[in-house]
N, C-alpha and C. Protein backbone atom coordinates (compact mmCIF):
# COMPACT_ATOMS: atom_id res chain seq x y z
N MET A 1 -47.13 32.28 13.39
CA MET A 1 -46.24 31.18 13.82
C MET A 1 -45.94 31.56 15.22
N ASP A 2 -46.33 30.50 16.19
CA ASP A 2 -46.21 30.77 17.55
C ASP A 2 -44.82 30.17 18.06
N LEU A 3 -44.57 30.21 19.35
CA LEU A 3 -43.29 29.95 19.93
C LEU A 3 -43.04 28.53 19.85
N ASN A 4 -44.09 27.63 19.93
CA ASN A 4 -43.97 26.15 19.94
C ASN A 4 -43.47 25.79 18.70
N GLU A 5 -44.06 26.37 17.51
CA GLU A 5 -43.58 25.90 16.32
C GLU A 5 -42.18 26.36 15.82
N SER A 6 -41.67 27.37 16.38
CA SER A 6 -40.34 27.84 16.12
C SER A 6 -39.40 26.84 16.83
N TRP A 7 -39.89 26.46 18.01
CA TRP A 7 -38.75 25.55 18.64
C TRP A 7 -38.84 24.18 17.95
N ILE A 8 -39.98 23.68 17.42
CA ILE A 8 -40.02 22.57 16.69
C ILE A 8 -39.15 22.63 15.47
N GLN A 9 -39.13 23.70 14.70
CA GLN A 9 -38.37 23.96 13.52
C GLN A 9 -36.80 24.04 13.89
N ILE A 10 -36.49 24.68 15.03
CA ILE A 10 -35.05 24.58 15.43
C ILE A 10 -34.65 23.26 15.85
N ALA A 11 -35.47 22.59 16.52
CA ALA A 11 -35.06 21.15 16.86
C ALA A 11 -35.00 20.27 15.75
N SER A 12 -35.83 20.43 14.72
CA SER A 12 -35.73 19.59 13.55
C SER A 12 -34.64 19.80 12.70
N LEU A 13 -34.28 21.15 12.67
CA LEU A 13 -33.07 21.54 11.93
C LEU A 13 -31.80 20.99 12.60
N PHE A 14 -31.78 21.12 13.94
CA PHE A 14 -30.60 20.66 14.67
C PHE A 14 -30.46 19.04 14.48
N LEU A 15 -31.53 18.35 14.69
CA LEU A 15 -31.59 16.90 14.45
C LEU A 15 -31.13 16.43 13.04
N ALA A 16 -31.71 17.21 12.04
CA ALA A 16 -31.31 16.76 10.68
C ALA A 16 -29.84 17.12 10.49
N ASN A 17 -29.12 18.04 11.01
CA ASN A 17 -27.73 18.35 10.82
C ASN A 17 -27.04 17.41 11.62
N ALA A 18 -27.37 17.08 12.90
CA ALA A 18 -26.70 16.08 13.62
C ALA A 18 -26.79 14.75 12.94
N GLY A 19 -27.83 14.45 12.27
CA GLY A 19 -27.92 13.00 11.56
C GLY A 19 -27.10 13.03 10.52
N LEU A 20 -26.90 14.22 9.64
CA LEU A 20 -26.06 14.22 8.53
C LEU A 20 -24.56 14.07 8.93
N ILE A 21 -24.26 14.69 10.05
CA ILE A 21 -22.94 14.68 10.53
C ILE A 21 -22.46 13.32 11.04
N VAL A 22 -23.47 12.50 11.59
CA VAL A 22 -23.17 11.12 12.10
C VAL A 22 -23.20 10.32 10.80
N TRP A 23 -23.95 10.44 9.82
CA TRP A 23 -23.96 9.73 8.61
C TRP A 23 -22.61 9.94 7.78
N PHE A 24 -22.24 11.15 7.62
CA PHE A 24 -20.88 11.51 7.02
C PHE A 24 -19.74 10.89 7.71
N ARG A 25 -19.79 10.90 8.99
CA ARG A 25 -18.53 10.20 9.80
C ARG A 25 -18.56 8.76 9.51
N ALA A 26 -19.77 8.01 9.56
CA ALA A 26 -19.80 6.73 9.38
C ALA A 26 -19.36 6.23 7.91
N GLU A 27 -19.68 7.06 6.96
CA GLU A 27 -19.27 6.86 5.53
C GLU A 27 -17.72 7.04 5.42
N SER A 28 -17.19 8.11 6.15
CA SER A 28 -15.80 8.35 6.13
C SER A 28 -15.10 7.22 6.79
N ARG A 29 -15.48 6.67 7.82
CA ARG A 29 -14.77 5.49 8.71
C ARG A 29 -14.94 4.32 7.68
N SER A 30 -16.05 4.13 6.98
CA SER A 30 -16.10 3.01 6.15
C SER A 30 -15.13 3.11 5.01
N ASP A 31 -14.88 4.27 4.32
CA ASP A 31 -13.97 4.54 3.35
C ASP A 31 -12.56 4.32 3.75
N TRP A 32 -12.19 4.77 4.97
CA TRP A 32 -10.90 4.54 5.57
C TRP A 32 -10.55 3.12 5.74
N ARG A 33 -11.63 2.20 6.20
CA ARG A 33 -11.39 0.79 6.45
C ARG A 33 -11.16 0.14 5.15
N HIS A 34 -11.85 0.57 3.98
CA HIS A 34 -11.80 0.01 2.76
C HIS A 34 -10.20 0.35 2.20
N MET A 35 -9.89 1.55 2.44
CA MET A 35 -8.48 1.87 1.95
C MET A 35 -7.38 1.33 2.46
N ASP A 36 -7.65 1.04 4.01
CA ASP A 36 -6.63 0.31 4.78
C ASP A 36 -6.57 -1.06 4.29
N ALA A 37 -7.58 -1.69 3.98
CA ALA A 37 -7.69 -3.02 3.45
C ALA A 37 -6.94 -3.16 2.13
N LYS A 38 -7.26 -2.19 1.30
CA LYS A 38 -6.51 -2.08 0.01
C LYS A 38 -5.07 -1.93 0.13
N MET A 39 -4.65 -1.07 1.03
CA MET A 39 -3.24 -0.75 1.40
C MET A 39 -2.51 -2.07 1.78
N ASP A 40 -3.21 -2.70 2.78
CA ASP A 40 -2.59 -4.06 3.21
C ASP A 40 -2.37 -4.97 2.13
N ALA A 41 -3.44 -5.09 1.30
CA ALA A 41 -3.26 -6.11 0.10
C ALA A 41 -2.09 -5.66 -0.85
N ASN A 42 -2.05 -4.35 -1.06
CA ASN A 42 -1.05 -3.86 -2.00
C ASN A 42 0.42 -4.03 -1.22
N LYS A 43 0.54 -3.91 -0.06
CA LYS A 43 1.73 -4.20 0.73
C LYS A 43 2.23 -5.58 0.56
N ALA A 44 1.22 -6.61 0.72
CA ALA A 44 1.58 -7.88 0.73
C ALA A 44 2.09 -8.33 -0.78
N GLU A 45 1.28 -7.74 -1.69
CA GLU A 45 1.69 -8.02 -3.08
C GLU A 45 3.08 -7.40 -3.31
N THR A 46 3.40 -6.19 -2.94
CA THR A 46 4.60 -5.55 -3.06
C THR A 46 5.73 -6.28 -2.43
N THR A 47 5.54 -6.89 -1.21
CA THR A 47 6.42 -7.71 -0.58
C THR A 47 6.88 -8.83 -1.55
N VAL A 48 5.89 -9.54 -2.03
CA VAL A 48 6.19 -10.63 -2.92
C VAL A 48 7.05 -10.22 -4.06
N ILE A 49 6.58 -9.19 -4.64
CA ILE A 49 7.37 -8.72 -5.90
C ILE A 49 8.79 -8.35 -5.46
N LEU A 50 8.94 -7.55 -4.46
CA LEU A 50 10.37 -7.31 -4.00
C LEU A 50 11.14 -8.60 -3.55
N ASN A 51 10.53 -9.44 -2.96
CA ASN A 51 11.42 -10.76 -2.72
C ASN A 51 11.77 -11.42 -3.93
N SER A 52 10.89 -11.42 -5.02
CA SER A 52 11.32 -11.99 -6.26
C SER A 52 12.35 -11.20 -6.93
N ILE A 53 12.27 -9.85 -6.87
CA ILE A 53 13.38 -8.97 -7.53
C ILE A 53 14.78 -9.33 -6.82
N GLN A 54 14.54 -9.46 -5.37
CA GLN A 54 15.77 -9.60 -4.71
C GLN A 54 16.42 -11.00 -5.00
N SER A 55 15.62 -11.99 -5.13
CA SER A 55 16.13 -13.38 -5.54
C SER A 55 16.89 -13.37 -6.97
N GLU A 56 16.10 -12.63 -7.73
CA GLU A 56 16.62 -12.51 -9.15
C GLU A 56 17.98 -11.80 -9.26
N ILE A 57 18.08 -10.75 -8.36
CA ILE A 57 19.29 -10.19 -8.25
C ILE A 57 20.48 -10.91 -7.75
N LYS A 58 20.05 -11.77 -6.72
CA LYS A 58 21.16 -12.66 -6.15
C LYS A 58 21.56 -13.63 -7.10
N ASP A 59 20.65 -14.12 -8.01
CA ASP A 59 20.88 -15.21 -8.84
C ASP A 59 21.88 -14.66 -10.05
N PHE A 60 21.49 -13.43 -10.43
CA PHE A 60 22.27 -12.82 -11.58
C PHE A 60 23.59 -12.42 -11.02
N HIS A 61 23.69 -12.09 -9.80
CA HIS A 61 25.11 -11.75 -9.23
C HIS A 61 25.92 -13.06 -9.23
N GLY A 62 25.16 -14.11 -8.80
CA GLY A 62 25.88 -15.36 -8.79
C GLY A 62 26.40 -15.77 -10.15
N ARG A 63 25.57 -15.64 -11.18
CA ARG A 63 26.12 -16.01 -12.40
C ARG A 63 27.06 -15.07 -12.97
N LEU A 64 27.10 -13.80 -12.79
CA LEU A 64 27.99 -12.80 -13.10
C LEU A 64 29.26 -13.15 -12.34
N CYS A 65 29.35 -13.54 -11.16
CA CYS A 65 30.63 -13.98 -10.50
C CYS A 65 31.10 -15.24 -11.11
N ALA A 66 30.29 -16.19 -11.40
CA ALA A 66 30.83 -17.32 -12.09
C ALA A 66 31.39 -16.93 -13.40
N VAL A 67 30.84 -16.15 -14.24
CA VAL A 67 31.45 -15.82 -15.53
C VAL A 67 32.80 -15.17 -15.30
N GLU A 68 32.91 -14.11 -14.28
CA GLU A 68 34.24 -13.31 -13.88
C GLU A 68 35.20 -14.43 -13.52
N GLU A 69 34.81 -15.43 -12.70
CA GLU A 69 35.77 -16.45 -12.34
C GLU A 69 36.37 -17.29 -13.43
N LYS A 70 35.47 -17.64 -14.31
CA LYS A 70 35.81 -18.35 -15.46
C LYS A 70 36.71 -17.62 -16.44
N LYS A 71 36.42 -16.26 -16.56
CA LYS A 71 37.17 -15.30 -17.29
C LYS A 71 38.61 -15.21 -16.69
N ASN A 72 38.76 -15.14 -15.35
CA ASN A 72 40.05 -14.97 -14.75
C ASN A 72 40.86 -16.28 -14.89
N GLN A 73 40.03 -17.36 -14.76
CA GLN A 73 40.71 -18.61 -14.83
C GLN A 73 41.30 -18.94 -16.26
N ASP A 74 40.57 -18.39 -17.31
CA ASP A 74 41.13 -18.50 -18.66
C ASP A 74 42.41 -17.55 -18.94
N ARG A 75 42.30 -16.37 -18.24
CA ARG A 75 43.46 -15.45 -18.28
C ARG A 75 44.71 -16.12 -17.73
N GLN A 76 44.42 -16.68 -16.54
CA GLN A 76 45.62 -17.36 -15.88
C GLN A 76 46.16 -18.46 -16.57
N HIS A 77 45.18 -19.35 -17.24
CA HIS A 77 45.68 -20.49 -17.99
C HIS A 77 46.37 -20.01 -19.28
N ARG A 78 46.07 -18.96 -19.94
CA ARG A 78 46.78 -18.49 -21.16
C ARG A 78 48.15 -17.87 -20.71
N ARG A 79 48.10 -17.28 -19.45
CA ARG A 79 49.52 -16.76 -19.09
C ARG A 79 50.53 -17.80 -18.82
N ARG A 80 49.99 -18.97 -18.33
CA ARG A 80 50.93 -20.04 -18.03
C ARG A 80 51.51 -20.65 -19.15
N LYS A 81 51.01 -20.61 -20.36
CA LYS A 81 51.20 -21.33 -21.57
C LYS A 81 52.49 -20.48 -22.15
């Protein structure tokens, strides 16, 4: 094997490794973009669910306050008799 062939082998090995590194980085960026999109979709869905839960809690609290108010009115009405 002469000197020219060894340089060709070294250059081809270097180019192959550089190509793999570039390809892996591109795949990694693609995966990150996909996961970011997924996270954004989950965040939007979670926000909708949290808003629904918050609305339901407020509604329940309102009904509970109404029940307590009616209970207190009934107690006061009984005391007056």
